[in-house]
Amino acid sequence: MTYKKSSLFDDDLQRLAEIARVMSHPARLAILRYLAKCNTCISGDISNEIPLSRTTVSQHLQELKKVGLIHGEIDGLKVNYCLCADCIKDAKTLMDGFLKEISTDQPTRC
């Protein structure tokens, strides 16, 4: 029987790692920032706002959509993209909890 070693870790750590992997690219962060700034669903060409080709932006959008950080709904020939508020809130909670857990007020002894 084969299994991923990541399955040895709790669900919160697995989810946080998945989100962190997707958010580890500056283009994806720029897309999230742009969608947050617009504060609405975008049906236009996001590649006009991100300095990458339309194909590359589309690939980044798919990665963000896969982990649930954004929604992409088909409207005729266009796709409307917007942030998934619940997923963003959950990601923030996971990240805040993790950073609080590893925070220390004690000086390190390295």
PDB file of N, CA and C in Angstrom:
ATOM      1  N   MET A   1       0.846  -1.186   0.000  1.00  0.00           N
ATOM      2  CA  MET A   1       0.000   0.000   0.000  1.00  0.00           C
ATOM      3  C   MET A   1       0.885   1.241   0.000  1.00  0.00           C
ATOM      4  N   THR A   2       0.598   2.167  -0.894  1.00  0.00           N
ATOM      5  CA  THR A   2       1.366   3.407  -0.942  1.00  0.00           C
ATOM      6  C   THR A   2       0.507   4.560  -0.450  1.00  0.00           C
ATOM      7  N   TYR A   3       1.137   5.505   0.178  1.00  0.00           N
ATOM      8  CA  TYR A   3       0.451   6.698   0.654  1.00  0.00           C
ATOM      9  C   TYR A   3       1.435   7.854   0.656  1.00  0.00           C
ATOM     10  N   LYS A   4       0.863   9.035   0.609  1.00  0.00           N
ATOM     11  CA  LYS A   4       1.702  10.224   0.666  1.00  0.00           C
ATOM     12  C   LYS A   4       2.139  10.440   2.106  1.00  0.00           C
ATOM     13  N   LYS A   5       3.382  10.832   2.268  1.00  0.00           N
ATOM     14  CA  LYS A   5       3.868  11.101   3.625  1.00  0.00           C
ATOM     15  C   LYS A   5       3.149  12.277   4.260  1.00  0.00           C
ATOM     16  N   SER A   6       2.607  13.179   3.419  1.00  0.00           N
ATOM     17  CA  SER A   6       1.874  14.316   3.980  1.00  0.00           C
ATOM     18  C   SER A   6       0.651  13.843   4.753  1.00  0.00           C
ATOM     19  N   SER A   7       0.149  12.640   4.443  1.00  0.00           N
ATOM     20  CA  SER A   7      -1.024  12.124   5.157  1.00  0.00           C
ATOM     21  C   SER A   7      -0.699  11.789   6.610  1.00  0.00           C
ATOM     22  N   LEU A   8       0.567  11.795   6.970  1.00  0.00           N
ATOM     23  CA  LEU A   8       0.962  11.543   8.353  1.00  0.00           C
ATOM     24  C   LEU A   8       0.714  12.759   9.244  1.00  0.00           C
ATOM     25  N   PHE A   9       0.386  13.891   8.629  1.00  0.00           N
ATOM     26  CA  PHE A   9       0.195  15.129   9.369  1.00  0.00           C
ATOM     27  C   PHE A   9      -1.282  15.472   9.456  1.00  0.00           C
ATOM     28  N   ASP A  10      -1.644  16.253  10.481  1.00  0.00           N
ATOM     29  CA  ASP A  10      -3.069  16.555  10.681  1.00  0.00           C
ATOM     30  C   ASP A  10      -3.633  17.387   9.536  1.00  0.00           C
ATOM     31  N   ASP A  11      -4.959  17.395   9.451  1.00  0.00           N
ATOM     32  CA  ASP A  11      -5.661  18.050   8.344  1.00  0.00           C
ATOM     33  C   ASP A  11      -5.339  19.532   8.231  1.00  0.00           C
ATOM     34  N   ASP A  12      -5.225  20.220   9.380  1.00  0.00           N
ATOM     35  CA  ASP A  12      -4.930  21.653   9.351  1.00  0.00           C
ATOM     36  C   ASP A  12      -3.566  21.930   8.717  1.00  0.00           C
ATOM     37  N   LEU A  13      -2.554  21.135   9.087  1.00  0.00           N
ATOM     38  CA  LEU A  13      -1.225  21.332   8.506  1.00  0.00           C
ATOM     39  C   LEU A  13      -1.227  21.007   7.017  1.00  0.00           C
ATOM     40  N   GLN A  14      -1.953  19.978   6.621  1.00  0.00           N
ATOM     41  CA  GLN A  14      -2.036  19.631   5.205  1.00  0.00           C
ATOM     42  C   GLN A  14      -2.699  20.750   4.412  1.00  0.00           C
ATOM     43  N   ARG A  15      -3.796  21.280   4.936  1.00  0.00           N
ATOM     44  CA  ARG A  15      -4.517  22.349   4.249  1.00  0.00           C
ATOM     45  C   ARG A  15      -3.666  23.614   4.173  1.00  0.00           C
ATOM     46  N   LEU A  16      -3.022  23.958   5.280  1.00  0.00           N
ATOM     47  CA  LEU A  16      -2.170  25.148   5.300  1.00  0.00           C
ATOM     48  C   LEU A  16      -1.013  25.002   4.312  1.00  0.00           C
ATOM     49  N   ALA A  17      -0.421  23.825   4.223  1.00  0.00           N
ATOM     50  CA  ALA A  17       0.666  23.584   3.271  1.00  0.00           C
ATOM     51  C   ALA A  17       0.173  23.713   1.835  1.00  0.00           C
ATOM     52  N   GLU A  18      -1.027  23.217   1.559  1.00  0.00           N
ATOM     53  CA  GLU A  18      -1.607  23.318   0.219  1.00  0.00           C
ATOM     54  C   GLU A  18      -1.833  24.778  -0.174  1.00  0.00           C
ATOM     55  N   ILE A  19      -2.399  25.541   0.744  1.00  0.00           N
ATOM     56  CA  ILE A  19      -2.642  26.962   0.485  1.00  0.00           C
ATOM     57  C   ILE A  19      -1.322  27.711   0.334  1.00  0.00           C
ATOM     58  N   ALA A  20      -0.367  27.425   1.210  1.00  0.00           N
ATOM     59  CA  ALA A  20       0.937  28.099   1.150  1.00  0.00           C
ATOM     60  C   ALA A  20       1.655  27.789  -0.160  1.00  0.00           C
ATOM     61  N   ARG A  21       1.545  26.549  -0.647  1.00  0.00           N
ATOM     62  CA  ARG A  21       2.172  26.186  -1.917  1.00  0.00           C
ATOM     63  C   ARG A  21       1.599  27.023  -3.052  1.00  0.00           C
ATOM     64  N   VAL A  22       0.289  27.150  -3.080  1.00  0.00           N
ATOM     65  CA  VAL A  22      -0.358  27.907  -4.152  1.00  0.00           C
ATOM     66  C   VAL A  22      -0.042  29.395  -4.023  1.00  0.00           C
ATOM     67  N   MET A  23       0.030  29.887  -2.813  1.00  0.00           N
ATOM     68  CA  MET A  23       0.290  31.316  -2.603  1.00  0.00           C
ATOM     69  C   MET A  23       1.782  31.667  -2.686  1.00  0.00           C
ATOM     70  N   SER A  24       2.624  30.674  -2.953  1.00  0.00           N
ATOM     71  CA  SER A  24       4.063  30.938  -2.953  1.00  0.00           C
ATOM     72  C   SER A  24       4.564  31.588  -4.238  1.00  0.00           C
ATOM     73  N   HIS A  25       3.674  31.867  -5.171  1.00  0.00           N
ATOM     74  CA  HIS A  25       4.089  32.521  -6.425  1.00  0.00           C
ATOM     75  C   HIS A  25       3.616  33.972  -6.421  1.00  0.00           C
ATOM     76  N   PRO A  26       4.508  34.927  -6.721  1.00  0.00           N
ATOM     77  CA  PRO A  26       4.118  36.344  -6.677  1.00  0.00           C
ATOM     78  C   PRO A  26       2.985  36.695  -7.643  1.00  0.00           C
ATOM     79  N   ALA A  27       2.869  36.003  -8.761  1.00  0.00           N
ATOM     80  CA  ALA A  27       1.771  36.291  -9.695  1.00  0.00           C
ATOM     81  C   ALA A  27       0.430  35.951  -9.047  1.00  0.00           C
ATOM     82  N   ARG A  28       0.390  34.865  -8.301  1.00  0.00           N
ATOM     83  CA  ARG A  28      -0.863  34.477  -7.639  1.00  0.00           C
ATOM     84  C   ARG A  28      -1.211  35.469  -6.530  1.00  0.00           C
ATOM     85  N   LEU A  29      -0.205  35.939  -5.833  1.00  0.00           N
ATOM     86  CA  LEU A  29      -0.455  36.961  -4.807  1.00  0.00           C
ATOM     87  C   LEU A  29      -0.960  38.239  -5.462  1.00  0.00           C
ATOM     88  N   ALA A  30      -0.393  38.593  -6.605  1.00  0.00           N
ATOM     89  CA  ALA A  30      -0.839  39.797  -7.323  1.00  0.00           C
ATOM     90  C   ALA A  30      -2.290  39.639  -7.782  1.00  0.00           C
ATOM     91  N   ILE A  31      -2.653  38.449  -8.230  1.00  0.00           N
ATOM     92  CA  ILE A  31      -4.039  38.201  -8.648  1.00  0.00           C
ATOM     93  C   ILE A  31      -4.975  38.346  -7.457  1.00  0.00           C
ATOM     94  N   LEU A  32      -4.611  37.748  -6.318  1.00  0.00           N
ATOM     95  CA  LEU A  32      -5.450  37.866  -5.119  1.00  0.00           C
ATOM     96  C   LEU A  32      -5.583  39.323  -4.694  1.00  0.00           C
ATOM     97  N   ARG A  33      -4.476  40.052  -4.726  1.00  0.00           N
ATOM     98  CA  ARG A  33      -4.501  41.468  -4.349  1.00  0.00           C
ATOM     99  C   ARG A  33      -5.403  42.256  -5.295  1.00  0.00           C
ATOM    100  N   TYR A  34      -5.295  41.983  -6.586  1.00  0.00           N
ATOM    101  CA  TYR A  34      -6.113  42.686  -7.573  1.00  0.00           C
ATOM    102  C   TYR A  34      -7.603  42.402  -7.358  1.00  0.00           C
ATOM    103  N   LEU A  35      -7.952  41.136  -7.149  1.00  0.00           N
ATOM    104  CA  LEU A  35      -9.355  40.790  -6.918  1.00  0.00           C
ATOM    105  C   LEU A  35      -9.883  41.434  -5.637  1.00  0.00           C
ATOM    106  N   ALA A  36      -9.041  41.497  -4.607  1.00  0.00           N
ATOM    107  CA  ALA A  36      -9.453  42.132  -3.352  1.00  0.00           C
ATOM    108  C   ALA A  36      -9.654  43.631  -3.550  1.00  0.00           C
ATOM    109  N   LYS A  37      -8.763  44.250  -4.315  1.00  0.00           N
ATOM    110  CA  LYS A  37      -8.857  45.685  -4.574  1.00  0.00           C
ATOM    111  C   LYS A  37     -10.135  46.018  -5.349  1.00  0.00           C
ATOM    112  N   CYS A  38     -10.476  45.174  -6.303  1.00  0.00           N
ATOM    113  CA  CYS A  38     -11.675  45.408  -7.116  1.00  0.00           C
ATOM    114  C   CYS A  38     -12.952  45.215  -6.307  1.00  0.00           C
ATOM    115  N   ASN A  39     -12.890  44.347  -5.310  1.00  0.00           N
ATOM    116  CA  ASN A  39     -14.015  44.105  -4.415  1.00  0.00           C
ATOM    117  C   ASN A  39     -15.287  43.687  -5.165  1.00  0.00           C
ATOM    118  N   THR A  40     -15.107  43.024  -6.294  1.00  0.00           N
ATOM    119  CA  THR A  40     -16.226  42.526  -7.077  1.00  0.00           C
ATOM    120  C   THR A  40     -15.725  41.402  -7.963  1.00  0.00           C
ATOM    121  N   CYS A  41     -16.626  40.675  -8.580  1.00  0.00           N
ATOM    122  CA  CYS A  41     -16.215  39.647  -9.533  1.00  0.00           C
ATOM    123  C   CYS A  41     -15.731  40.322 -10.818  1.00  0.00           C
ATOM    124  N   ILE A  42     -14.690  39.778 -11.396  1.00  0.00           N
ATOM    125  CA  ILE A  42     -14.077  40.346 -12.590  1.00  0.00           C
ATOM    126  C   ILE A  42     -14.386  39.446 -13.777  1.00  0.00           C
ATOM    127  N   SER A  43     -15.001  40.013 -14.777  1.00  0.00           N
ATOM    128  CA  SER A  43     -15.274  39.232 -15.985  1.00  0.00           C
ATOM    129  C   SER A  43     -14.334  39.626 -17.111  1.00  0.00           C
ATOM    130  N   GLY A  44     -13.589  40.687 -16.917  1.00  0.00           N
ATOM    131  CA  GLY A  44     -12.657  41.139 -17.936  1.00  0.00           C
ATOM    132  C   GLY A  44     -11.390  40.323 -17.931  1.00  0.00           C
ATOM    133  N   ASP A  45     -10.432  40.774 -18.667  1.00  0.00           N
ATOM    134  CA  ASP A  45      -9.165  40.076 -18.815  1.00  0.00           C
ATOM    135  C   ASP A  45      -8.213  40.501 -17.701  1.00  0.00           C
ATOM    136  N   ILE A  46      -8.004  39.634 -16.736  1.00  0.00           N
ATOM    137  CA  ILE A  46      -7.118  39.924 -15.612  1.00  0.00           C
ATOM    138  C   ILE A  46      -5.677  40.076 -16.097  1.00  0.00           C
ATOM    139  N   SER A  47      -5.348  39.476 -17.229  1.00  0.00           N
ATOM    140  CA  SER A  47      -3.972  39.581 -17.741  1.00  0.00           C
ATOM    141  C   SER A  47      -3.616  41.013 -18.127  1.00  0.00           C
ATOM    142  N   ASN A  48      -4.620  41.897 -18.257  1.00  0.00           N
ATOM    143  CA  ASN A  48      -4.324  43.310 -18.482  1.00  0.00           C
ATOM    144  C   ASN A  48      -3.712  43.947 -17.239  1.00  0.00           C
ATOM    145  N   GLU A  49      -3.942  43.349 -16.078  1.00  0.00           N
ATOM    146  CA  GLU A  49      -3.460  43.897 -14.810  1.00  0.00           C
ATOM    147  C   GLU A  49      -2.209  43.201 -14.294  1.00  0.00           C
ATOM    148  N   ILE A  50      -1.926  42.020 -14.813  1.00  0.00           N
ATOM    149  CA  ILE A  50      -0.785  41.224 -14.361  1.00  0.00           C
ATOM    150  C   ILE A  50       0.202  41.145 -15.528  1.00  0.00           C
ATOM    151  N   PRO A  51       1.490  41.423 -15.284  1.00  0.00           N
ATOM    152  CA  PRO A  51       2.451  41.498 -16.399  1.00  0.00           C
ATOM    153  C   PRO A  51       2.889  40.131 -16.926  1.00  0.00           C
ATOM    154  N   LEU A  52       1.912  39.293 -17.256  1.00  0.00           N
ATOM    155  CA  LEU A  52       2.189  37.968 -17.806  1.00  0.00           C
ATOM    156  C   LEU A  52       1.226  37.698 -18.948  1.00  0.00           C
ATOM    157  N   SER A  53       1.516  36.689 -19.731  1.00  0.00           N
ATOM    158  CA  SER A  53       0.643  36.351 -20.850  1.00  0.00           C
ATOM    159  C   SER A  53      -0.708  35.849 -20.340  1.00  0.00           C
ATOM    160  N   ARG A  54      -1.698  35.945 -21.182  1.00  0.00           N
ATOM    161  CA  ARG A  54      -3.052  35.498 -20.846  1.00  0.00           C
ATOM    162  C   ARG A  54      -3.044  34.016 -20.444  1.00  0.00           C
ATOM    163  N   THR A  55      -2.289  33.204 -21.162  1.00  0.00           N
ATOM    164  CA  THR A  55      -2.210  31.775 -20.865  1.00  0.00           C
ATOM    165  C   THR A  55      -1.614  31.528 -19.483  1.00  0.00           C
ATOM    166  N   THR A  56      -0.546  32.246 -19.164  1.00  0.00           N
ATOM    167  CA  THR A  56       0.102  32.087 -17.862  1.00  0.00           C
ATOM    168  C   THR A  56      -0.826  32.534 -16.734  1.00  0.00           C
ATOM    169  N   VAL A  57      -1.489  33.662 -16.918  1.00  0.00           N
ATOM    170  CA  VAL A  57      -2.440  34.142 -15.909  1.00  0.00           C
ATOM    171  C   VAL A  57      -3.556  33.116 -15.718  1.00  0.00           C
ATOM    172  N   SER A  58      -4.024  32.539 -16.801  1.00  0.00           N
ATOM    173  CA  SER A  58      -5.075  31.526 -16.739  1.00  0.00           C
ATOM    174  C   SER A  58      -4.620  30.318 -15.924  1.00  0.00           C
ATOM    175  N   GLN A  59      -3.379  29.905 -16.091  1.00  0.00           N
ATOM    176  CA  GLN A  59      -2.846  28.780 -15.318  1.00  0.00           C
ATOM    177  C   GLN A  59      -2.792  29.122 -13.826  1.00  0.00           C
ATOM    178  N   HIS A  60      -2.390  30.349 -13.516  1.00  0.00           N
ATOM    179  CA  HIS A  60      -2.344  30.768 -12.111  1.00  0.00           C
ATOM    180  C   HIS A  60      -3.759  30.842 -11.525  1.00  0.00           C
ATOM    181  N   LEU A  61      -4.708  31.318 -12.296  1.00  0.00           N
ATOM    182  CA  LEU A  61      -6.098  31.366 -11.840  1.00  0.00           C
ATOM    183  C   LEU A  61      -6.618  29.958 -11.532  1.00  0.00           C
ATOM    184  N   GLN A  62      -6.248  29.000 -12.358  1.00  0.00           N
ATOM    185  CA  GLN A  62      -6.693  27.623 -12.130  1.00  0.00           C
ATOM    186  C   GLN A  62      -6.117  27.060 -10.832  1.00  0.00           C
ATOM    187  N   GLU A  63      -4.869  27.373 -10.534  1.00  0.00           N
ATOM    188  CA  GLU A  63      -4.261  26.918  -9.276  1.00  0.00           C
ATOM    189  C   GLU A  63      -4.977  27.530  -8.065  1.00  0.00           C
ATOM    190  N   LEU A  64      -5.280  28.822  -8.150  1.00  0.00           N
ATOM    191  CA  LEU A  64      -5.997  29.493  -7.058  1.00  0.00           C
ATOM    192  C   LEU A  64      -7.399  28.913  -6.900  1.00  0.00           C
ATOM    193  N   LYS A  65      -8.016  28.603  -8.004  1.00  0.00           N
ATOM    194  CA  LYS A  65      -9.370  28.036  -7.980  1.00  0.00           C
ATOM    195  C   LYS A  65      -9.355  26.622  -7.401  1.00  0.00           C
ATOM    196  N   LYS A  66      -8.323  25.844  -7.741  1.00  0.00           N
ATOM    197  CA  LYS A  66      -8.220  24.462  -7.264  1.00  0.00           C
ATOM    198  C   LYS A  66      -8.239  24.359  -5.745  1.00  0.00           C
ATOM    199  N   VAL A  67      -7.583  25.304  -5.065  1.00  0.00           N
ATOM    200  CA  VAL A  67      -7.557  25.262  -3.600  1.00  0.00           C
ATOM    201  C   VAL A  67      -8.704  26.059  -2.988  1.00  0.00           C
ATOM    202  N   GLY A  68      -9.526  26.677  -3.834  1.00  0.00           N
ATOM    203  CA  GLY A  68     -10.716  27.348  -3.351  1.00  0.00           C
ATOM    204  C   GLY A  68     -10.556  28.810  -2.980  1.00  0.00           C
ATOM    205  N   LEU A  69      -9.386  29.395  -3.208  1.00  0.00           N
ATOM    206  CA  LEU A  69      -9.192  30.795  -2.838  1.00  0.00           C
ATOM    207  C   LEU A  69     -10.008  31.741  -3.709  1.00  0.00           C
ATOM    208  N   ILE A  70     -10.321  31.304  -4.932  1.00  0.00           N
ATOM    209  CA  ILE A  70     -11.161  32.112  -5.818  1.00  0.00           C
ATOM    210  C   ILE A  70     -12.254  31.231  -6.420  1.00  0.00           C
ATOM    211  N   HIS A  71     -13.298  31.891  -6.883  1.00  0.00           N
ATOM    212  CA  HIS A  71     -14.357  31.248  -7.650  1.00  0.00           C
ATOM    213  C   HIS A  71     -14.188  31.671  -9.098  1.00  0.00           C
ATOM    214  N   GLY A  72     -14.533  30.799  -9.994  1.00  0.00           N
ATOM    215  CA  GLY A  72     -14.543  31.138 -11.407  1.00  0.00           C
ATOM    216  C   GLY A  72     -15.799  30.568 -12.029  1.00  0.00           C
ATOM    217  N   GLU A  73     -16.736  31.432 -12.347  1.00  0.00           N
ATOM    218  CA  GLU A  73     -18.011  30.978 -12.899  1.00  0.00           C
ATOM    219  C   GLU A  73     -18.134  31.410 -14.351  1.00  0.00           C
ATOM    220  N   ILE A  74     -18.548  30.476 -15.179  1.00  0.00           N
ATOM    221  CA  ILE A  74     -18.699  30.751 -16.608  1.00  0.00           C
ATOM    222  C   ILE A  74     -19.952  31.577 -16.845  1.00  0.00           C
ATOM    223  N   ASP A  75     -19.770  32.650 -17.604  1.00  0.00           N
ATOM    224  CA  ASP A  75     -20.876  33.535 -17.978  1.00  0.00           C
ATOM    225  C   ASP A  75     -20.763  33.779 -19.483  1.00  0.00           C
ATOM    226  N   GLY A  76     -21.437  32.935 -20.245  1.00  0.00           N
ATOM    227  CA  GLY A  76     -21.318  33.027 -21.705  1.00  0.00           C
ATOM    228  C   GLY A  76     -19.929  32.606 -22.129  1.00  0.00           C
ATOM    229  N   LEU A  77     -19.230  33.500 -22.807  1.00  0.00           N
ATOM    230  CA  LEU A  77     -17.874  33.208 -23.263  1.00  0.00           C
ATOM    231  C   LEU A  77     -16.808  33.654 -22.267  1.00  0.00           C
ATOM    232  N   LYS A  78     -17.222  34.300 -21.199  1.00  0.00           N
ATOM    233  CA  LYS A  78     -16.271  34.811 -20.213  1.00  0.00           C
ATOM    234  C   LYS A  78     -16.386  34.015 -18.910  1.00  0.00           C
ATOM    235  N   VAL A  79     -15.364  34.160 -18.088  1.00  0.00           N
ATOM    236  CA  VAL A  79     -15.376  33.579 -16.759  1.00  0.00           C
ATOM    237  C   VAL A  79     -15.282  34.722 -15.760  1.00  0.00           C
ATOM    238  N   ASN A  80     -16.192  34.740 -14.801  1.00  0.00           N
ATOM    239  CA  ASN A  80     -16.163  35.745 -13.741  1.00  0.00           C
ATOM    240  C   ASN A  80     -15.350  35.187 -12.573  1.00  0.00           C
ATOM    241  N   TYR A  81     -14.309  35.915 -12.181  1.00  0.00           N
ATOM    242  CA  TYR A  81     -13.471  35.494 -11.060  1.00  0.00           C
ATOM    243  C   TYR A  81     -13.677  36.426  -9.879  1.00  0.00           C
ATOM    244  N   CYS A  82     -13.751  35.829  -8.691  1.00  0.00           N
ATOM    245  CA  CYS A  82     -13.809  36.625  -7.468  1.00  0.00           C
ATOM    246  C   CYS A  82     -13.220  35.818  -6.317  1.00  0.00           C
ATOM    247  N   LEU A  83     -12.874  36.532  -5.268  1.00  0.00           N
ATOM    248  CA  LEU A  83     -12.333  35.875  -4.082  1.00  0.00           C
ATOM    249  C   LEU A  83     -13.418  35.042  -3.411  1.00  0.00           C
ATOM    250  N   CYS A  84     -13.008  33.957  -2.805  1.00  0.00           N
ATOM    251  CA  CYS A  84     -13.916  33.153  -1.985  1.00  0.00           C
ATOM    252  C   CYS A  84     -13.701  33.601  -0.541  1.00  0.00           C
ATOM    253  N   ALA A  85     -14.611  34.419  -0.048  1.00  0.00           N
ATOM    254  CA  ALA A  85     -14.441  35.029   1.280  1.00  0.00           C
ATOM    255  C   ALA A  85     -14.288  33.975   2.380  1.00  0.00           C
ATOM    256  N   ASP A  86     -15.071  32.917   2.326  1.00  0.00           N
ATOM    257  CA  ASP A  86     -14.987  31.879   3.359  1.00  0.00           C
ATOM    258  C   ASP A  86     -13.625  31.192   3.358  1.00  0.00           C
ATOM    259  N   CYS A  87     -13.113  30.886   2.178  1.00  0.00           N
ATOM    260  CA  CYS A  87     -11.815  30.228   2.080  1.00  0.00           C
ATOM    261  C   CYS A  87     -10.692  31.155   2.526  1.00  0.00           C
ATOM    262  N   ILE A  88     -10.784  32.420   2.157  1.00  0.00           N
ATOM    263  CA  ILE A  88      -9.775  33.397   2.578  1.00  0.00           C
ATOM    264  C   ILE A  88      -9.782  33.506   4.107  1.00  0.00           C
ATOM    265  N   LYS A  89     -10.973  33.554   4.680  1.00  0.00           N
ATOM    266  CA  LYS A  89     -11.089  33.639   6.146  1.00  0.00           C
ATOM    267  C   LYS A  89     -10.505  32.391   6.810  1.00  0.00           C
ATOM    268  N   ASP A  90     -10.800  31.221   6.253  1.00  0.00           N
ATOM    269  CA  ASP A  90     -10.259  29.973   6.808  1.00  0.00           C
ATOM    270  C   ASP A  90      -8.735  29.936   6.693  1.00  0.00           C
ATOM    271  N   ALA A  91      -8.207  30.385   5.551  1.00  0.00           N
ATOM    272  CA  ALA A  91      -6.756  30.410   5.359  1.00  0.00           C
ATOM    273  C   ALA A  91      -6.101  31.347   6.372  1.00  0.00           C
ATOM    274  N   LYS A  92      -6.732  32.490   6.601  1.00  0.00           N
ATOM    275  CA  LYS A  92      -6.201  33.445   7.584  1.00  0.00           C
ATOM    276  C   LYS A  92      -6.205  32.840   8.989  1.00  0.00           C
ATOM    277  N   THR A  93      -7.284  32.163   9.331  1.00  0.00           N
ATOM    278  CA  THR A  93      -7.384  31.519  10.645  1.00  0.00           C
ATOM    279  C   THR A  93      -6.300  30.464  10.812  1.00  0.00           C
ATOM    280  N   LEU A  94      -6.109  29.633   9.777  1.00  0.00           N
ATOM    281  CA  LEU A  94      -5.067  28.601   9.831  1.00  0.00           C
ATOM    282  C   LEU A  94      -3.687  29.228   9.975  1.00  0.00           C
ATOM    283  N   MET A  95      -3.411  30.258   9.168  1.00  0.00           N
ATOM    284  CA  MET A  95      -2.097  30.893   9.206  1.00  0.00           C
ATOM    285  C   MET A  95      -1.868  31.604  10.539  1.00  0.00           C
ATOM    286  N   ASP A  96      -2.869  32.345  11.006  1.00  0.00           N
ATOM    287  CA  ASP A  96      -2.740  33.041  12.294  1.00  0.00           C
ATOM    288  C   ASP A  96      -2.488  32.046  13.420  1.00  0.00           C
ATOM    289  N   GLY A  97      -3.244  30.951  13.419  1.00  0.00           N
ATOM    290  CA  GLY A  97      -3.082  29.932  14.462  1.00  0.00           C
ATOM    291  C   GLY A  97      -1.703  29.301  14.422  1.00  0.00           C
ATOM    292  N   PHE A  98      -1.234  29.001  13.221  1.00  0.00           N
ATOM    293  CA  PHE A  98       0.087  28.390  13.084  1.00  0.00           C
ATOM    294  C   PHE A  98       1.183  29.348  13.536  1.00  0.00           C
ATOM    295  N   LEU A  99       1.123  30.597  13.095  1.00  0.00           N
ATOM    296  CA  LEU A  99       2.147  31.565  13.483  1.00  0.00           C
ATOM    297  C   LEU A  99       2.123  31.834  14.983  1.00  0.00           C
ATOM    298  N   LYS A 100       0.940  31.834  15.571  1.00  0.00           N
ATOM    299  CA  LYS A 100       0.844  32.007  17.025  1.00  0.00           C
ATOM    300  C   LYS A 100       1.488  30.819  17.734  1.00  0.00           C
ATOM    301  N   GLU A 101       1.259  29.631  17.196  1.00  0.00           N
ATOM    302  CA  GLU A 101       1.801  28.406  17.786  1.00  0.00           C
ATOM    303  C   GLU A 101       3.327  28.390  17.769  1.00  0.00           C
ATOM    304  N   ILE A 102       3.934  28.921  16.707  1.00  0.00           N
ATOM    305  CA  ILE A 102       5.394  28.866  16.612  1.00  0.00           C
ATOM    306  C   ILE A 102       6.070  30.147  17.104  1.00  0.00           C
ATOM    307  N   SER A 103       5.276  31.142  17.485  1.00  0.00           N
ATOM    308  CA  SER A 103       5.840  32.403  17.978  1.00  0.00           C
ATOM    309  C   SER A 103       6.453  32.198  19.344  1.00  0.00           C
ATOM    310  N   THR A 104       7.466  32.965  19.590  1.00  0.00           N
ATOM    311  CA  THR A 104       8.091  32.933  20.903  1.00  0.00           C
ATOM    312  C   THR A 104       8.589  34.309  21.255  1.00  0.00           C
ATOM    313  N   ASP A 105       8.457  34.641  22.512  1.00  0.00           N
ATOM    314  CA  ASP A 105       8.993  35.913  22.996  1.00  0.00           C
ATOM    315  C   ASP A 105      10.403  35.726  23.554  1.00  0.00           C
ATOM    316  N   GLN A 106      10.829  34.470  23.587  1.00  0.00           N
ATOM    317  CA  GLN A 106      12.143  34.157  24.117  1.00  0.00           C
ATOM    318  C   GLN A 106      13.183  34.322  23.021  1.00  0.00           C
ATOM    319  N   PRO A 107      14.357  34.862  23.374  1.00  0.00           N
ATOM    320  CA  PRO A 107      15.425  34.938  22.370  1.00  0.00           C
ATOM    321  C   PRO A 107      15.897  33.527  21.998  1.00  0.00           C
ATOM    322  N   THR A 108      16.235  33.350  20.744  1.00  0.00           N
ATOM    323  CA  THR A 108      16.722  32.037  20.310  1.00  0.00           C
ATOM    324  C   THR A 108      18.177  31.846  20.717  1.00  0.00           C
ATOM    325  N   ARG A 109      18.542  30.605  20.853  1.00  0.00           N
ATOM    326  CA  ARG A 109      19.925  30.292  21.249  1.00  0.00           C
ATOM    327  C   ARG A 109      20.592  29.517  20.119  1.00  0.00           C
ATOM    328  N   CYS A 110      20.781  30.171  19.021  1.00  0.00           N
ATOM    329  CA  CYS A 110      21.440  29.512  17.884  1.00  0.00           C
ATOM    330  C   CYS A 110      22.881  29.912  17.811  1.00  0.00           C
TER     331      CYS A 110
END
